[in-house]
N, C-alpha and C. Protein backbone atom coordinates (compact mmCIF):
# COMPACT_ATOMS: atom_id res chain seq x y z
N MET A 1 -24.94 -44.92 -56.45
CA MET A 1 -24.42 -44.68 -55.12
C MET A 1 -23.15 -45.50 -54.89
N ASP A 2 -22.18 -45.41 -55.77
CA ASP A 2 -20.96 -46.18 -55.56
C ASP A 2 -19.86 -45.35 -54.92
N LYS A 3 -19.98 -44.04 -54.96
CA LYS A 3 -19.00 -43.18 -54.31
C LYS A 3 -19.45 -42.92 -52.88
N LYS A 4 -18.50 -43.01 -51.94
CA LYS A 4 -18.82 -42.79 -50.53
C LYS A 4 -18.13 -41.52 -50.04
N TYR A 5 -18.77 -40.84 -49.13
CA TYR A 5 -18.25 -39.61 -48.55
C TYR A 5 -18.28 -39.72 -47.03
N LEU A 6 -17.24 -39.20 -46.37
CA LEU A 6 -17.34 -38.97 -44.94
C LEU A 6 -18.14 -37.69 -44.77
N CYS A 7 -18.87 -37.59 -43.68
CA CYS A 7 -19.64 -36.37 -43.45
C CYS A 7 -19.71 -36.09 -41.95
N SER A 8 -19.49 -34.85 -41.57
CA SER A 8 -19.67 -34.46 -40.17
C SER A 8 -21.08 -34.85 -39.73
N ALA A 9 -21.16 -35.65 -38.68
CA ALA A 9 -22.45 -36.16 -38.21
C ALA A 9 -23.42 -35.03 -37.85
N CYS A 10 -22.90 -33.93 -37.32
CA CYS A 10 -23.78 -32.82 -36.94
C CYS A 10 -24.53 -32.26 -38.13
N LEU A 11 -23.93 -32.32 -39.32
CA LEU A 11 -24.58 -31.82 -40.54
C LEU A 11 -25.76 -32.70 -40.95
N LEU A 12 -25.75 -33.95 -40.47
CA LEU A 12 -26.84 -34.88 -40.76
C LEU A 12 -27.89 -34.90 -39.65
N GLY A 13 -27.77 -33.99 -38.70
CA GLY A 13 -28.76 -33.87 -37.64
C GLY A 13 -28.45 -34.63 -36.37
N VAL A 14 -27.25 -35.21 -36.27
CA VAL A 14 -26.87 -35.91 -35.06
C VAL A 14 -26.49 -34.90 -33.99
N ASP A 15 -27.02 -35.05 -32.80
CA ASP A 15 -26.76 -34.12 -31.69
C ASP A 15 -25.41 -34.42 -31.06
N CYS A 16 -24.34 -33.92 -31.68
CA CYS A 16 -22.99 -34.19 -31.18
C CYS A 16 -22.15 -32.92 -31.06
N LYS A 17 -22.75 -31.76 -31.31
CA LYS A 17 -22.04 -30.49 -31.17
C LYS A 17 -21.62 -30.25 -29.72
N TYR A 18 -20.72 -29.29 -29.54
CA TYR A 18 -20.25 -28.95 -28.20
C TYR A 18 -21.41 -28.61 -27.26
N ASP A 19 -22.48 -28.01 -27.80
CA ASP A 19 -23.60 -27.59 -26.95
C ASP A 19 -24.70 -28.65 -26.84
N GLY A 20 -24.45 -29.82 -27.42
CA GLY A 20 -25.42 -30.91 -27.38
C GLY A 20 -26.40 -30.89 -28.54
N GLY A 21 -26.32 -29.88 -29.38
CA GLY A 21 -27.21 -29.77 -30.53
C GLY A 21 -26.56 -30.29 -31.80
N ASN A 22 -27.08 -29.84 -32.95
CA ASN A 22 -26.54 -30.25 -34.24
C ASN A 22 -26.51 -29.07 -35.20
N ASN A 23 -25.96 -29.30 -36.37
CA ASN A 23 -25.88 -28.29 -37.43
C ASN A 23 -26.56 -28.82 -38.69
N ALA A 24 -27.71 -29.45 -38.53
CA ALA A 24 -28.39 -30.06 -39.67
C ALA A 24 -28.44 -29.09 -40.85
N SER A 25 -28.02 -29.59 -42.00
CA SER A 25 -27.98 -28.79 -43.22
C SER A 25 -28.89 -29.43 -44.26
N GLN A 26 -29.89 -28.69 -44.71
CA GLN A 26 -30.81 -29.24 -45.70
C GLN A 26 -30.07 -29.64 -46.97
N LYS A 27 -29.05 -28.85 -47.33
CA LYS A 27 -28.25 -29.15 -48.51
C LYS A 27 -27.58 -30.53 -48.37
N VAL A 28 -27.02 -30.79 -47.18
CA VAL A 28 -26.36 -32.07 -46.91
C VAL A 28 -27.39 -33.19 -46.85
N LEU A 29 -28.51 -32.95 -46.19
CA LEU A 29 -29.56 -33.98 -46.10
C LEU A 29 -30.09 -34.35 -47.48
N ASP A 30 -30.25 -33.37 -48.35
CA ASP A 30 -30.68 -33.64 -49.73
C ASP A 30 -29.61 -34.44 -50.48
N PHE A 31 -28.35 -34.09 -50.28
CA PHE A 31 -27.24 -34.80 -50.92
C PHE A 31 -27.21 -36.26 -50.47
N ALA A 32 -27.54 -36.48 -49.19
CA ALA A 32 -27.52 -37.84 -48.62
C ALA A 32 -28.58 -38.74 -49.27
N LYS A 33 -29.57 -38.15 -49.90
CA LYS A 33 -30.60 -38.96 -50.59
C LYS A 33 -30.06 -39.55 -51.88
N LYS A 34 -28.97 -38.95 -52.41
CA LYS A 34 -28.39 -39.39 -53.68
C LYS A 34 -27.07 -40.11 -53.53
N GLU A 35 -26.36 -39.82 -52.45
CA GLU A 35 -25.00 -40.35 -52.27
C GLU A 35 -24.87 -41.03 -50.90
N ALA A 36 -23.90 -41.93 -50.80
CA ALA A 36 -23.65 -42.64 -49.54
C ALA A 36 -22.75 -41.78 -48.64
N LEU A 37 -23.31 -41.35 -47.51
CA LEU A 37 -22.56 -40.53 -46.56
C LEU A 37 -22.30 -41.34 -45.29
N ILE A 38 -21.06 -41.33 -44.84
CA ILE A 38 -20.67 -42.02 -43.62
C ILE A 38 -20.50 -40.97 -42.54
N ALA A 39 -21.41 -40.98 -41.57
CA ALA A 39 -21.40 -39.96 -40.51
C ALA A 39 -20.26 -40.20 -39.53
N ILE A 40 -19.50 -39.14 -39.27
CA ILE A 40 -18.42 -39.20 -38.29
C ILE A 40 -18.46 -37.93 -37.44
N CYS A 41 -18.05 -38.05 -36.19
CA CYS A 41 -17.84 -36.89 -35.34
C CYS A 41 -16.47 -37.07 -34.70
N PRO A 42 -15.45 -36.40 -35.23
CA PRO A 42 -14.10 -36.57 -34.69
C PRO A 42 -13.99 -36.29 -33.19
N GLU A 43 -14.72 -35.31 -32.70
CA GLU A 43 -14.64 -35.00 -31.28
C GLU A 43 -15.13 -36.19 -30.45
N ARG A 44 -16.24 -36.79 -30.86
CA ARG A 44 -16.76 -37.96 -30.15
C ARG A 44 -15.83 -39.15 -30.33
N LEU A 45 -15.28 -39.33 -31.54
CA LEU A 45 -14.33 -40.41 -31.77
C LEU A 45 -13.07 -40.24 -30.92
N GLY A 46 -12.78 -39.00 -30.56
CA GLY A 46 -11.63 -38.71 -29.71
C GLY A 46 -11.93 -38.84 -28.23
N GLY A 47 -13.17 -39.20 -27.90
CA GLY A 47 -13.53 -39.43 -26.51
C GLY A 47 -14.18 -38.27 -25.79
N LEU A 48 -14.48 -37.18 -26.50
CA LEU A 48 -15.11 -36.03 -25.85
C LEU A 48 -16.62 -36.22 -25.75
N PRO A 49 -17.23 -35.76 -24.67
CA PRO A 49 -18.67 -35.88 -24.51
C PRO A 49 -19.40 -34.76 -25.25
N SER A 50 -20.71 -34.89 -25.30
CA SER A 50 -21.55 -33.82 -25.84
C SER A 50 -22.73 -33.70 -24.89
N PRO A 51 -22.95 -32.56 -24.28
CA PRO A 51 -22.22 -31.30 -24.48
C PRO A 51 -20.84 -31.29 -23.82
N ARG A 52 -20.05 -30.29 -24.25
CA ARG A 52 -18.69 -30.10 -23.75
C ARG A 52 -18.35 -28.61 -23.91
N PRO A 53 -17.34 -28.11 -23.21
CA PRO A 53 -16.95 -26.71 -23.41
C PRO A 53 -16.50 -26.47 -24.86
N ARG A 54 -16.79 -25.28 -25.37
CA ARG A 54 -16.33 -24.91 -26.71
C ARG A 54 -14.81 -24.97 -26.75
N ALA A 55 -14.27 -25.19 -27.95
CA ALA A 55 -12.82 -25.24 -28.12
C ALA A 55 -12.41 -24.47 -29.36
N CYS A 56 -11.16 -23.99 -29.35
CA CYS A 56 -10.58 -23.29 -30.50
C CYS A 56 -9.20 -23.84 -30.76
N ARG A 57 -8.81 -23.81 -32.02
CA ARG A 57 -7.47 -24.24 -32.39
C ARG A 57 -6.53 -23.05 -32.27
N LYS A 58 -5.46 -23.26 -31.53
CA LYS A 58 -4.44 -22.23 -31.34
C LYS A 58 -3.11 -22.81 -31.81
N GLY A 59 -2.79 -22.63 -33.08
CA GLY A 59 -1.59 -23.25 -33.64
C GLY A 59 -1.76 -24.75 -33.67
N ASP A 60 -0.84 -25.47 -33.03
CA ASP A 60 -0.92 -26.93 -33.00
C ASP A 60 -1.73 -27.44 -31.81
N LYS A 61 -2.26 -26.56 -31.01
CA LYS A 61 -3.02 -26.95 -29.82
C LYS A 61 -4.50 -26.68 -30.02
N VAL A 62 -5.32 -27.39 -29.25
CA VAL A 62 -6.75 -27.11 -29.17
C VAL A 62 -7.05 -26.89 -27.69
N ILE A 63 -7.55 -25.70 -27.39
CA ILE A 63 -7.80 -25.29 -26.01
C ILE A 63 -9.30 -25.02 -25.85
N ASP A 64 -9.89 -25.55 -24.76
CA ASP A 64 -11.30 -25.27 -24.56
C ASP A 64 -11.47 -23.95 -23.81
N GLU A 65 -12.71 -23.50 -23.70
CA GLU A 65 -12.98 -22.19 -23.12
C GLU A 65 -12.67 -22.10 -21.63
N LEU A 66 -12.40 -23.25 -21.01
CA LEU A 66 -12.01 -23.26 -19.61
C LEU A 66 -10.49 -23.25 -19.45
N GLY A 67 -9.77 -23.24 -20.60
CA GLY A 67 -8.32 -23.20 -20.59
C GLY A 67 -7.66 -24.57 -20.60
N ASN A 68 -8.45 -25.63 -20.75
CA ASN A 68 -7.91 -27.00 -20.77
C ASN A 68 -7.39 -27.37 -22.15
N ASP A 69 -6.25 -28.03 -22.20
CA ASP A 69 -5.66 -28.48 -23.45
C ASP A 69 -6.36 -29.77 -23.88
N LYS A 70 -7.07 -29.71 -24.99
CA LYS A 70 -7.83 -30.85 -25.51
C LYS A 70 -7.19 -31.42 -26.78
N THR A 71 -5.94 -31.05 -27.02
CA THR A 71 -5.25 -31.45 -28.25
C THR A 71 -5.26 -32.96 -28.44
N ALA A 72 -4.94 -33.72 -27.41
CA ALA A 72 -4.84 -35.18 -27.54
C ALA A 72 -6.16 -35.79 -28.02
N ALA A 73 -7.29 -35.32 -27.50
CA ALA A 73 -8.59 -35.85 -27.92
C ALA A 73 -8.88 -35.48 -29.38
N PHE A 74 -8.53 -34.28 -29.78
CA PHE A 74 -8.76 -33.86 -31.16
C PHE A 74 -7.87 -34.64 -32.13
N VAL A 75 -6.63 -34.88 -31.75
CA VAL A 75 -5.72 -35.67 -32.59
C VAL A 75 -6.21 -37.11 -32.69
N LYS A 76 -6.62 -37.69 -31.57
CA LYS A 76 -7.14 -39.06 -31.59
C LYS A 76 -8.36 -39.15 -32.50
N GLY A 77 -9.27 -38.20 -32.40
CA GLY A 77 -10.46 -38.18 -33.24
C GLY A 77 -10.11 -38.06 -34.72
N ALA A 78 -9.11 -37.24 -35.03
CA ALA A 78 -8.66 -37.10 -36.42
C ALA A 78 -8.08 -38.41 -36.93
N GLN A 79 -7.29 -39.07 -36.10
CA GLN A 79 -6.68 -40.34 -36.50
C GLN A 79 -7.75 -41.42 -36.70
N GLU A 80 -8.75 -41.46 -35.84
CA GLU A 80 -9.84 -42.43 -35.98
C GLU A 80 -10.65 -42.15 -37.25
N THR A 81 -10.85 -40.87 -37.55
CA THR A 81 -11.57 -40.49 -38.77
C THR A 81 -10.80 -40.93 -40.00
N LEU A 82 -9.48 -40.72 -40.00
CA LEU A 82 -8.65 -41.15 -41.12
C LEU A 82 -8.71 -42.68 -41.27
N LYS A 83 -8.69 -43.38 -40.15
CA LYS A 83 -8.76 -44.83 -40.19
C LYS A 83 -10.08 -45.29 -40.86
N ILE A 84 -11.18 -44.66 -40.51
CA ILE A 84 -12.48 -44.99 -41.11
C ILE A 84 -12.45 -44.69 -42.61
N ALA A 85 -11.90 -43.54 -42.98
CA ALA A 85 -11.82 -43.18 -44.40
C ALA A 85 -11.03 -44.23 -45.17
N ASN A 86 -9.92 -44.66 -44.62
CA ASN A 86 -9.10 -45.66 -45.30
C ASN A 86 -9.79 -47.01 -45.37
N GLU A 87 -10.41 -47.43 -44.28
CA GLU A 87 -11.10 -48.72 -44.25
C GLU A 87 -12.30 -48.75 -45.20
N MET A 88 -12.96 -47.61 -45.36
CA MET A 88 -14.16 -47.53 -46.21
C MET A 88 -13.84 -47.06 -47.63
N ASP A 89 -12.56 -46.82 -47.92
CA ASP A 89 -12.12 -46.37 -49.24
C ASP A 89 -12.83 -45.07 -49.67
N VAL A 90 -12.81 -44.11 -48.74
CA VAL A 90 -13.43 -42.80 -48.97
C VAL A 90 -12.36 -41.82 -49.42
N HIS A 91 -12.69 -41.00 -50.42
CA HIS A 91 -11.72 -40.04 -50.95
C HIS A 91 -12.17 -38.59 -50.83
N VAL A 92 -13.41 -38.38 -50.31
CA VAL A 92 -13.94 -37.04 -50.15
C VAL A 92 -14.65 -36.96 -48.80
N ALA A 93 -14.45 -35.84 -48.11
CA ALA A 93 -15.12 -35.60 -46.83
C ALA A 93 -15.84 -34.26 -46.88
N ILE A 94 -17.07 -34.24 -46.37
CA ILE A 94 -17.86 -33.02 -46.23
C ILE A 94 -17.86 -32.69 -44.74
N LEU A 95 -17.15 -31.63 -44.37
CA LEU A 95 -16.96 -31.32 -42.96
C LEU A 95 -17.51 -29.96 -42.59
N LYS A 96 -17.88 -29.81 -41.32
CA LYS A 96 -18.48 -28.58 -40.80
C LYS A 96 -17.48 -27.44 -40.77
N GLN A 97 -17.79 -26.42 -41.53
CA GLN A 97 -16.94 -25.23 -41.61
C GLN A 97 -16.76 -24.58 -40.24
N LYS A 98 -15.59 -24.07 -39.99
CA LYS A 98 -15.20 -23.26 -38.83
C LYS A 98 -14.90 -24.06 -37.57
N SER A 99 -15.14 -25.35 -37.57
CA SER A 99 -14.90 -26.19 -36.39
C SER A 99 -13.41 -26.36 -36.14
N PRO A 100 -12.98 -26.46 -34.87
CA PRO A 100 -11.56 -26.69 -34.58
C PRO A 100 -11.12 -28.09 -35.01
N SER A 101 -12.06 -28.94 -35.31
CA SER A 101 -11.76 -30.28 -35.80
C SER A 101 -11.99 -30.38 -37.30
N CYS A 102 -13.17 -29.99 -37.73
CA CYS A 102 -13.60 -30.20 -39.12
C CYS A 102 -13.44 -28.99 -40.03
N GLY A 103 -13.16 -27.83 -39.49
CA GLY A 103 -13.08 -26.62 -40.31
C GLY A 103 -12.14 -26.78 -41.49
N CYS A 104 -12.58 -26.32 -42.64
CA CYS A 104 -11.81 -26.45 -43.88
C CYS A 104 -11.61 -25.06 -44.48
N GLY A 105 -10.41 -24.52 -44.29
CA GLY A 105 -10.11 -23.20 -44.84
C GLY A 105 -10.43 -22.05 -43.91
N LYS A 106 -11.42 -22.26 -43.01
CA LYS A 106 -11.82 -21.23 -42.06
C LYS A 106 -12.08 -21.88 -40.71
N ILE A 107 -11.52 -21.29 -39.66
CA ILE A 107 -11.78 -21.76 -38.30
C ILE A 107 -11.96 -20.56 -37.38
N TYR A 108 -12.58 -20.79 -36.24
CA TYR A 108 -12.69 -19.72 -35.25
C TYR A 108 -11.34 -19.49 -34.59
N GLU A 109 -10.97 -18.22 -34.45
CA GLU A 109 -9.72 -17.88 -33.79
C GLU A 109 -9.89 -17.87 -32.27
N ASP A 110 -11.07 -17.50 -31.83
CA ASP A 110 -11.31 -17.35 -30.40
C ASP A 110 -12.78 -17.59 -30.12
N PHE A 111 -13.19 -17.36 -28.90
CA PHE A 111 -14.57 -17.61 -28.51
C PHE A 111 -15.47 -16.40 -28.76
N GLY A 112 -14.89 -15.35 -29.31
CA GLY A 112 -15.67 -14.16 -29.64
C GLY A 112 -16.25 -14.21 -31.04
N GLY A 113 -15.95 -15.25 -31.78
CA GLY A 113 -16.53 -15.42 -33.10
C GLY A 113 -15.65 -14.96 -34.25
N LYS A 114 -14.44 -14.48 -33.98
CA LYS A 114 -13.55 -14.05 -35.06
C LYS A 114 -13.09 -15.28 -35.86
N ILE A 115 -13.17 -15.16 -37.18
CA ILE A 115 -12.81 -16.27 -38.08
C ILE A 115 -11.49 -15.95 -38.76
N ILE A 116 -10.62 -16.96 -38.84
CA ILE A 116 -9.33 -16.82 -39.51
C ILE A 116 -9.16 -17.94 -40.53
N GLU A 117 -8.17 -17.79 -41.39
CA GLU A 117 -7.85 -18.85 -42.33
C GLU A 117 -7.16 -19.98 -41.59
N GLY A 118 -7.51 -21.20 -41.93
CA GLY A 118 -6.89 -22.35 -41.30
C GLY A 118 -7.78 -23.57 -41.41
N ASP A 119 -7.25 -24.71 -41.01
CA ASP A 119 -8.00 -25.96 -41.02
C ASP A 119 -8.10 -26.51 -39.61
N GLY A 120 -9.16 -27.24 -39.36
CA GLY A 120 -9.28 -27.97 -38.11
C GLY A 120 -8.33 -29.17 -38.14
N VAL A 121 -8.16 -29.80 -36.99
CA VAL A 121 -7.22 -30.90 -36.84
C VAL A 121 -7.55 -32.05 -37.79
N THR A 122 -8.81 -32.43 -37.87
CA THR A 122 -9.22 -33.55 -38.74
C THR A 122 -9.10 -33.17 -40.21
N ALA A 123 -9.58 -32.00 -40.57
CA ALA A 123 -9.49 -31.57 -41.97
C ALA A 123 -8.04 -31.56 -42.43
N GLU A 124 -7.15 -31.06 -41.60
CA GLU A 124 -5.73 -31.00 -41.94
C GLU A 124 -5.16 -32.40 -42.15
N LEU A 125 -5.46 -33.34 -41.26
CA LEU A 125 -4.94 -34.71 -41.38
C LEU A 125 -5.49 -35.40 -42.63
N LEU A 126 -6.77 -35.24 -42.89
CA LEU A 126 -7.35 -35.86 -44.09
C LEU A 126 -6.69 -35.32 -45.35
N LYS A 127 -6.53 -34.00 -45.42
CA LYS A 127 -5.90 -33.38 -46.59
C LYS A 127 -4.47 -33.90 -46.78
N LYS A 128 -3.71 -34.00 -45.68
CA LYS A 128 -2.33 -34.50 -45.77
C LYS A 128 -2.28 -35.93 -46.28
N ASN A 129 -3.37 -36.65 -46.16
CA ASN A 129 -3.42 -38.04 -46.59
C ASN A 129 -4.21 -38.23 -47.88
N GLY A 130 -4.33 -37.16 -48.64
CA GLY A 130 -4.90 -37.25 -49.99
C GLY A 130 -6.41 -37.30 -50.08
N ILE A 131 -7.09 -36.99 -49.00
CA ILE A 131 -8.55 -36.99 -49.03
C ILE A 131 -9.02 -35.56 -49.27
N LYS A 132 -9.88 -35.39 -50.26
CA LYS A 132 -10.42 -34.07 -50.58
C LYS A 132 -11.40 -33.68 -49.49
N VAL A 133 -11.25 -32.47 -48.96
CA VAL A 133 -12.13 -31.97 -47.91
C VAL A 133 -12.85 -30.74 -48.42
N ILE A 134 -14.18 -30.78 -48.29
CA ILE A 134 -15.00 -29.61 -48.63
C ILE A 134 -15.91 -29.32 -47.45
N SER A 135 -16.34 -28.08 -47.35
CA SER A 135 -17.28 -27.71 -46.29
C SER A 135 -18.70 -27.85 -46.82
N GLU A 136 -19.63 -27.83 -45.89
CA GLU A 136 -21.04 -27.88 -46.30
C GLU A 136 -21.39 -26.66 -47.14
N GLU A 137 -20.67 -25.56 -46.96
CA GLU A 137 -20.90 -24.36 -47.73
C GLU A 137 -20.45 -24.52 -49.18
N GLU A 138 -19.47 -25.40 -49.41
CA GLU A 138 -18.95 -25.63 -50.77
C GLU A 138 -19.69 -26.74 -51.51
N LEU A 139 -20.53 -27.48 -50.80
CA LEU A 139 -21.21 -28.62 -51.40
C LEU A 139 -22.09 -28.19 -52.56
């Protein structure tokens, strides 16, 4: 267990999703028995509560379903996540697919469930800083 990974906290069963629930993944929980996973929730690190209105990434902005611009909170959460990765010498992150923060390669385009190619704010920042990002689906 000398390699460390960042991991979306919701995948580990932490109730931090927008709806107050989690996205516990048995695959991730099994992986956590063998490897050191550091739980992070960029949205919470950015100061957002749980539950909170759903949000989608629209270009460089993140807008919630009430029409509020939440970009600053998502950027702050991404920066805090990067800071943790650097402080803990982490080079790989396992992030929740489709999230406006953690999505890797696929994100929701809107609140109707349409999926498009793209990265969430945190996934994009981690990748730009040399951290490998994979989704729970790729694990």
